[in-house]
């Protein structure tokens, strides 16, 4: 799946199912940024394929959210950004919007 498509599907997951912090998925509360990616990609969190799928979109998310960039712990930084106290669903959706544009501009 192209990164732009995965990002758009993950955004839709959060829009329709809700957004949460602290876990990939909380029943009744929705999905975190990564949980939405796994749900959209129909993969299990922390599986080898799930990690590869998430890695395909991380560069676009990191450019959309500069404060979440990291050279080593990409996932920890993005998860931490999602889980930061005061973070909002609106900010997460905006990050997806920016990442989708970046992925499309890159032909992905």
N, C-alpha and C. Protein backbone atom coordinates (compact mmCIF):
# COMPACT_ATOMS: atom_id res chain seq x y z
N UNK A 1 0.85 -1.17 0.00
CA UNK A 1 0.00 0.00 0.00
C UNK A 1 0.90 1.24 0.00
N UNK A 2 0.56 2.18 -0.87
CA UNK A 2 1.34 3.41 -0.94
C UNK A 2 1.20 4.18 0.38
N UNK A 3 2.28 4.84 0.81
CA UNK A 3 2.23 5.61 2.05
C UNK A 3 1.09 6.63 2.10
N UNK A 4 0.83 7.32 1.00
CA UNK A 4 -0.24 8.32 1.01
C UNK A 4 -1.60 7.67 1.26
N UNK A 5 -1.79 6.49 0.72
CA UNK A 5 -3.06 5.76 0.91
C UNK A 5 -3.17 5.28 2.35
N UNK A 6 -2.09 4.72 2.88
CA UNK A 6 -2.10 4.26 4.27
C UNK A 6 -2.36 5.42 5.23
N UNK A 7 -1.70 6.54 5.00
CA UNK A 7 -1.90 7.71 5.86
C UNK A 7 -3.35 8.19 5.80
N UNK A 8 -3.92 8.23 4.61
CA UNK A 8 -5.31 8.67 4.46
C UNK A 8 -6.26 7.71 5.16
N UNK A 9 -6.01 6.41 5.04
CA UNK A 9 -6.86 5.42 5.70
C UNK A 9 -6.72 5.52 7.22
N UNK A 10 -5.51 5.74 7.70
CA UNK A 10 -5.29 5.86 9.15
C UNK A 10 -5.99 7.11 9.69
N UNK A 11 -5.92 8.18 8.94
CA UNK A 11 -6.63 9.40 9.35
C UNK A 11 -8.12 9.12 9.46
N UNK A 12 -8.66 8.40 8.49
CA UNK A 12 -10.09 8.07 8.49
C UNK A 12 -10.45 7.21 9.71
N UNK A 13 -9.55 6.33 10.11
CA UNK A 13 -9.78 5.51 11.30
C UNK A 13 -9.99 6.41 12.51
N UNK A 14 -9.12 7.39 12.68
CA UNK A 14 -9.24 8.29 13.83
C UNK A 14 -10.49 9.16 13.71
N UNK A 15 -10.79 9.61 12.51
CA UNK A 15 -11.99 10.43 12.32
C UNK A 15 -13.27 9.66 12.66
N UNK A 16 -13.30 8.39 12.31
CA UNK A 16 -14.54 7.62 12.50
C UNK A 16 -14.59 6.84 13.81
N UNK A 17 -13.44 6.38 14.28
CA UNK A 17 -13.40 5.54 15.49
C UNK A 17 -12.95 6.28 16.73
N UNK A 18 -12.38 7.48 16.55
CA UNK A 18 -11.89 8.24 17.69
C UNK A 18 -10.39 8.15 17.84
N UNK A 19 -9.87 8.93 18.77
CA UNK A 19 -8.42 9.03 19.01
C UNK A 19 -8.15 8.81 20.49
N UNK A 20 -7.04 8.18 20.78
CA UNK A 20 -6.68 7.95 22.18
C UNK A 20 -5.18 8.15 22.38
N UNK A 21 -4.79 8.14 23.63
CA UNK A 21 -3.38 8.22 24.01
C UNK A 21 -3.07 7.07 24.95
N UNK A 22 -1.82 6.67 24.99
CA UNK A 22 -1.35 5.69 25.96
C UNK A 22 -1.45 4.24 25.53
N UNK A 23 -2.21 3.96 24.50
CA UNK A 23 -2.36 2.59 23.98
C UNK A 23 -2.63 2.69 22.49
N UNK A 24 -2.36 1.59 21.76
CA UNK A 24 -2.67 1.59 20.34
C UNK A 24 -4.17 1.73 20.11
N UNK A 25 -4.95 1.09 20.97
CA UNK A 25 -6.40 1.10 20.82
C UNK A 25 -7.05 0.97 22.18
N UNK A 26 -8.02 1.82 22.43
CA UNK A 26 -8.82 1.73 23.65
C UNK A 26 -10.27 1.58 23.22
N UNK A 27 -10.86 0.48 23.59
CA UNK A 27 -12.25 0.22 23.23
C UNK A 27 -13.12 1.39 23.65
N UNK A 28 -13.86 1.92 22.70
CA UNK A 28 -14.75 3.04 22.99
C UNK A 28 -14.09 4.41 22.89
N UNK A 29 -12.74 4.45 22.90
CA UNK A 29 -12.03 5.73 22.82
C UNK A 29 -11.33 5.93 21.49
N UNK A 30 -11.01 4.87 20.79
CA UNK A 30 -10.39 5.01 19.48
C UNK A 30 -8.97 4.49 19.40
N UNK A 31 -8.19 5.10 18.51
CA UNK A 31 -6.86 4.64 18.18
C UNK A 31 -5.85 5.78 18.29
N UNK A 32 -4.64 5.44 18.71
CA UNK A 32 -3.56 6.42 18.69
C UNK A 32 -3.03 6.50 17.25
N UNK A 33 -2.09 7.38 17.02
CA UNK A 33 -1.51 7.55 15.70
C UNK A 33 -1.03 6.21 15.13
N UNK A 34 -0.27 5.46 15.91
CA UNK A 34 0.25 4.18 15.43
C UNK A 34 -0.84 3.12 15.35
N UNK A 35 -1.73 3.11 16.31
CA UNK A 35 -2.83 2.15 16.27
C UNK A 35 -3.67 2.32 15.02
N UNK A 36 -3.88 3.58 14.62
CA UNK A 36 -4.64 3.85 13.40
C UNK A 36 -3.90 3.33 12.17
N UNK A 37 -2.57 3.48 12.15
CA UNK A 37 -1.79 2.94 11.03
C UNK A 37 -1.93 1.43 10.94
N UNK A 38 -1.83 0.76 12.08
CA UNK A 38 -1.95 -0.70 12.09
C UNK A 38 -3.35 -1.14 11.67
N UNK A 39 -4.36 -0.46 12.18
CA UNK A 39 -5.75 -0.78 11.82
C UNK A 39 -5.96 -0.57 10.32
N UNK A 40 -5.51 0.57 9.80
CA UNK A 40 -5.67 0.88 8.38
C UNK A 40 -4.94 -0.13 7.49
N UNK A 41 -3.78 -0.58 7.95
CA UNK A 41 -2.99 -1.54 7.19
C UNK A 41 -3.39 -2.98 7.42
N UNK A 42 -4.35 -3.18 8.33
CA UNK A 42 -4.84 -4.52 8.68
C UNK A 42 -3.71 -5.45 9.12
N UNK A 43 -2.85 -4.90 10.00
CA UNK A 43 -1.74 -5.68 10.54
C UNK A 43 -1.76 -5.62 12.06
N UNK A 44 -1.12 -6.57 12.67
CA UNK A 44 -1.02 -6.62 14.12
C UNK A 44 0.06 -5.66 14.60
N UNK A 45 -0.22 -4.90 15.67
CA UNK A 45 0.82 -4.04 16.24
C UNK A 45 2.04 -4.86 16.64
N UNK A 46 3.19 -4.28 16.44
CA UNK A 46 4.47 -4.88 16.82
C UNK A 46 4.83 -6.15 16.05
N UNK A 47 4.08 -6.47 15.00
CA UNK A 47 4.47 -7.58 14.14
C UNK A 47 5.55 -7.07 13.18
N UNK A 48 6.29 -7.97 12.59
CA UNK A 48 7.34 -7.56 11.65
C UNK A 48 6.73 -6.78 10.48
N UNK A 49 5.64 -7.26 9.93
CA UNK A 49 5.01 -6.57 8.81
C UNK A 49 4.43 -5.23 9.27
N UNK A 50 3.86 -5.20 10.44
CA UNK A 50 3.32 -3.96 10.98
C UNK A 50 4.39 -2.90 11.14
N UNK A 51 5.54 -3.31 11.63
CA UNK A 51 6.65 -2.37 11.79
C UNK A 51 7.13 -1.84 10.44
N UNK A 52 7.23 -2.73 9.45
CA UNK A 52 7.67 -2.29 8.12
C UNK A 52 6.65 -1.34 7.49
N UNK A 53 5.39 -1.64 7.69
CA UNK A 53 4.34 -0.77 7.17
C UNK A 53 4.43 0.61 7.82
N UNK A 54 4.58 0.64 9.13
CA UNK A 54 4.69 1.91 9.84
C UNK A 54 5.94 2.68 9.40
N UNK A 55 7.05 1.97 9.22
CA UNK A 55 8.29 2.62 8.79
C UNK A 55 8.14 3.29 7.42
N UNK A 56 7.24 2.77 6.58
CA UNK A 56 7.07 3.35 5.25
C UNK A 56 6.46 4.75 5.30
N UNK A 57 5.76 5.07 6.38
CA UNK A 57 5.13 6.39 6.47
C UNK A 57 5.81 7.33 7.46
N UNK A 58 6.69 6.80 8.29
CA UNK A 58 7.35 7.61 9.31
C UNK A 58 8.08 8.82 8.74
N UNK A 59 8.82 8.70 7.64
CA UNK A 59 9.49 9.90 7.13
C UNK A 59 8.52 11.04 6.84
N UNK A 60 7.35 10.72 6.35
CA UNK A 60 6.36 11.75 6.04
C UNK A 60 5.77 12.34 7.32
N UNK A 61 5.52 11.50 8.29
CA UNK A 61 5.00 11.99 9.57
C UNK A 61 6.04 12.85 10.28
N UNK A 62 7.30 12.42 10.24
CA UNK A 62 8.35 13.19 10.91
C UNK A 62 8.54 14.56 10.27
N UNK A 63 8.37 14.64 8.96
CA UNK A 63 8.48 15.95 8.31
C UNK A 63 7.24 16.80 8.59
N UNK A 64 6.13 16.15 8.81
CA UNK A 64 4.90 16.88 9.16
C UNK A 64 4.95 17.38 10.61
N UNK A 65 5.71 16.65 11.45
CA UNK A 65 5.80 16.96 12.88
C UNK A 65 7.28 17.04 13.25
N UNK A 66 7.94 18.15 12.93
CA UNK A 66 9.39 18.25 13.15
C UNK A 66 9.83 17.96 14.58
N UNK A 67 9.03 18.31 15.58
CA UNK A 67 9.44 18.06 16.96
C UNK A 67 9.45 16.57 17.31
N UNK A 68 8.92 15.73 16.43
CA UNK A 68 8.91 14.29 16.68
C UNK A 68 10.03 13.57 15.94
N UNK A 69 10.89 14.30 15.24
CA UNK A 69 11.97 13.66 14.49
C UNK A 69 13.01 13.05 15.41
N UNK A 70 13.55 11.93 14.93
CA UNK A 70 14.60 11.24 15.68
C UNK A 70 15.42 10.42 14.71
N UNK A 71 16.70 10.34 14.95
CA UNK A 71 17.56 9.52 14.09
C UNK A 71 17.53 8.05 14.47
N UNK A 72 17.17 7.75 15.70
CA UNK A 72 17.27 6.38 16.18
C UNK A 72 15.90 5.79 16.54
N UNK A 73 15.20 6.43 17.40
CA UNK A 73 13.97 5.85 17.94
C UNK A 73 12.73 6.47 17.31
N UNK A 74 12.58 6.28 16.01
CA UNK A 74 11.47 6.92 15.31
C UNK A 74 10.14 6.62 15.97
N UNK A 75 9.90 5.37 16.28
CA UNK A 75 8.61 4.99 16.84
C UNK A 75 8.40 5.61 18.21
N UNK A 76 9.42 5.56 19.04
CA UNK A 76 9.28 6.12 20.38
C UNK A 76 8.97 7.61 20.30
N UNK A 77 9.58 8.31 19.37
CA UNK A 77 9.33 9.75 19.24
C UNK A 77 7.90 10.02 18.77
N UNK A 78 7.44 9.30 17.77
CA UNK A 78 6.08 9.53 17.27
C UNK A 78 5.04 9.13 18.31
N UNK A 79 5.27 8.04 19.01
CA UNK A 79 4.35 7.61 20.06
C UNK A 79 4.35 8.66 21.17
N UNK A 80 5.53 9.12 21.54
CA UNK A 80 5.64 10.14 22.58
C UNK A 80 4.92 11.42 22.17
N UNK A 81 5.07 11.80 20.91
CA UNK A 81 4.38 13.00 20.42
C UNK A 81 2.87 12.82 20.53
N UNK A 82 2.37 11.68 20.09
CA UNK A 82 0.93 11.40 20.19
C UNK A 82 0.46 11.46 21.64
N UNK A 83 1.28 10.95 22.55
CA UNK A 83 0.87 10.80 23.95
C UNK A 83 1.19 12.02 24.82
N UNK A 84 1.78 13.05 24.25
CA UNK A 84 2.12 14.24 25.03
C UNK A 84 0.87 14.84 25.64
N UNK A 85 0.96 15.16 26.92
CA UNK A 85 -0.16 15.80 27.61
C UNK A 85 -0.52 17.10 26.89
N UNK A 86 -1.79 17.30 26.66
CA UNK A 86 -2.25 18.49 25.96
C UNK A 86 -2.40 18.31 24.46
N UNK A 87 -1.86 17.20 23.93
CA UNK A 87 -2.01 16.92 22.49
C UNK A 87 -3.50 16.75 22.21
N UNK A 88 -3.93 17.14 21.03
CA UNK A 88 -5.34 17.03 20.68
C UNK A 88 -5.54 16.17 19.43
N UNK A 89 -6.73 15.67 19.30
CA UNK A 89 -7.11 14.92 18.10
C UNK A 89 -6.92 15.81 16.87
N UNK A 90 -7.28 17.07 16.99
CA UNK A 90 -7.15 18.01 15.87
C UNK A 90 -5.70 18.11 15.41
N UNK A 91 -4.75 18.14 16.34
CA UNK A 91 -3.33 18.21 15.98
C UNK A 91 -2.88 16.93 15.28
N UNK A 92 -3.35 15.80 15.75
CA UNK A 92 -2.99 14.52 15.14
C UNK A 92 -3.54 14.45 13.72
N UNK A 93 -4.78 14.85 13.53
CA UNK A 93 -5.37 14.85 12.19
C UNK A 93 -4.64 15.82 11.26
N UNK A 94 -4.22 16.96 11.80
CA UNK A 94 -3.45 17.92 11.00
C UNK A 94 -2.10 17.33 10.58
N UNK A 95 -1.48 16.55 11.47
CA UNK A 95 -0.21 15.89 11.13
C UNK A 95 -0.43 14.89 9.99
N UNK A 96 -1.53 14.15 10.06
CA UNK A 96 -1.85 13.24 8.96
C UNK A 96 -2.05 14.01 7.66
N UNK A 97 -2.77 15.12 7.71
CA UNK A 97 -3.00 15.93 6.50
C UNK A 97 -1.68 16.36 5.88
N UNK A 98 -0.76 16.87 6.69
CA UNK A 98 0.53 17.31 6.17
C UNK A 98 1.33 16.14 5.61
N UNK A 99 1.31 15.02 6.32
CA UNK A 99 2.05 13.84 5.87
C UNK A 99 1.49 13.30 4.55
N UNK A 100 0.18 13.34 4.40
CA UNK A 100 -0.45 12.87 3.15
C UNK A 100 0.02 13.73 1.98
N UNK A 101 0.03 15.04 2.17
CA UNK A 101 0.49 15.95 1.12
C UNK A 101 1.95 15.66 0.77
N UNK A 102 2.79 15.50 1.78
CA UNK A 102 4.20 15.22 1.54
C UNK A 102 4.39 13.90 0.77
N UNK A 103 3.64 12.88 1.17
CA UNK A 103 3.75 11.57 0.49
C UNK A 103 3.31 11.69 -0.97
N UNK A 104 2.22 12.40 -1.21
CA UNK A 104 1.76 12.58 -2.59
C UNK A 104 2.77 13.36 -3.42
N UNK A 105 3.34 14.40 -2.82
CA UNK A 105 4.36 15.18 -3.54
C UNK A 105 5.57 14.33 -3.91
N UNK A 106 5.86 13.33 -3.08
CA UNK A 106 6.98 12.43 -3.34
C UNK A 106 6.60 11.27 -4.27
N UNK A 107 5.35 11.26 -4.69
CA UNK A 107 4.90 10.18 -5.58
C UNK A 107 4.59 8.91 -4.85
N UNK A 108 4.47 9.01 -3.56
CA UNK A 108 4.20 7.84 -2.73
C UNK A 108 2.76 7.85 -2.28
